[in-house]
Protein backbone atom coordinates (compact mmCIF):
# COMPACT_ATOMS: atom_id res chain seq x y z
CA MET A 1 -12.81 7.53 -23.84
CA SER A 2 -15.90 5.87 -25.16
CA SER A 3 -19.28 7.20 -26.17
CA THR A 4 -22.49 6.52 -24.32
CA ALA A 5 -25.83 5.76 -25.98
CA SER A 6 -26.60 9.47 -25.87
CA GLY A 7 -23.33 10.27 -27.65
CA GLN A 8 -21.65 11.73 -24.57
CA SER A 9 -18.08 10.79 -23.85
CA SER A 10 -17.31 8.78 -20.77
CA ASN A 11 -14.21 7.43 -19.12
CA TYR A 12 -15.88 4.06 -18.49
CA ALA A 13 -12.77 2.05 -19.34
CA GLY A 14 -10.94 3.65 -16.42
CA ALA A 15 -13.88 3.24 -14.08
CA GLU A 16 -14.23 -0.40 -15.11
CA ARG A 17 -10.75 -1.17 -13.72
CA TYR A 18 -11.21 0.78 -10.47
CA ARG A 19 -11.46 -1.27 -7.31
CA MET A 20 -12.24 0.47 -4.05
CA PRO A 21 -9.64 0.05 -1.31
CA THR A 22 -10.35 -2.26 1.59
CA PRO A 23 -12.98 -0.68 3.83
CA GLU A 24 -11.77 -0.06 7.37
CA ASN A 25 -11.99 -3.12 9.64
CA THR A 26 -12.93 -5.43 6.76
CA PRO A 27 -11.54 -8.96 7.15
CA ALA A 28 -9.06 -9.92 4.43
CA GLU A 29 -11.27 -12.86 3.41
CA MET A 30 -14.19 -10.51 2.77
CA TYR A 31 -12.11 -8.14 0.67
CA ARG A 32 -10.75 -11.05 -1.39
CA LEU A 33 -14.35 -12.12 -1.99
CA MET A 34 -15.25 -8.57 -3.03
CA LEU A 35 -12.40 -8.53 -5.53
CA LYS A 36 -13.53 -11.86 -6.98
CA CYS A 37 -17.06 -10.49 -7.37
CA TRP A 38 -15.68 -7.56 -9.37
CA ALA A 39 -13.73 -9.76 -11.81
CA ALA A 40 -14.00 -8.46 -15.38
CA ASP A 41 -14.65 -11.97 -16.65
CA ALA A 42 -18.08 -13.09 -15.45
CA GLU A 43 -16.97 -16.74 -15.46
CA SER A 44 -14.29 -15.87 -12.88
CA ARG A 45 -16.80 -14.42 -10.42
CA PRO A 46 -17.86 -16.61 -7.50
CA HIS A 47 -21.17 -18.41 -7.59
CA PHE A 48 -23.70 -17.81 -4.84
CA ASP A 49 -22.70 -20.94 -2.91
CA GLU A 50 -19.10 -19.72 -2.62
CA ILE A 51 -20.26 -16.26 -1.52
CA TYR A 52 -22.57 -17.84 1.05
CA ASN A 53 -19.83 -20.13 2.40
CA VAL A 54 -17.29 -17.32 2.80
CA VAL A 55 -19.77 -14.96 4.47
CA ASP A 56 -21.15 -17.72 6.72
CA ALA A 57 -17.63 -18.70 7.84
CA LEU A 58 -16.79 -15.07 8.59
CA ILE A 59 -19.95 -14.61 10.63
CA LEU A 60 -19.25 -17.76 12.63
CA ARG A 61 -15.66 -16.72 13.23
CA LEU A 62 -16.67 -13.23 14.33
CA ASP A 63 -19.44 -14.58 16.59
CA ASN A 64 -16.96 -16.93 18.28
CA SER A 65 -14.40 -14.18 18.83
CA HIS A 66 -16.68 -12.20 21.16
C-alpha cells in the first residue's frame, strides 16, 4: 500500500494494474486499442492518429455490415 497526499493508505498499485474485461459486444480490435491506451509506459500508448485510424476502420466495417 502507498500513502496519498493526505496521508491515507491506498491500494493504488493494485488498481494501477487492473484492466477491465472486454465489454459485451466490443470488437476485439477496439479492446486491443483500449489495452494499448492503458499501457503503464506512456511512450507505449497509441498516438491520436492511431486511435483515429482504428476507430474509423471499425466504424466503416460496422456500417458496411448492416
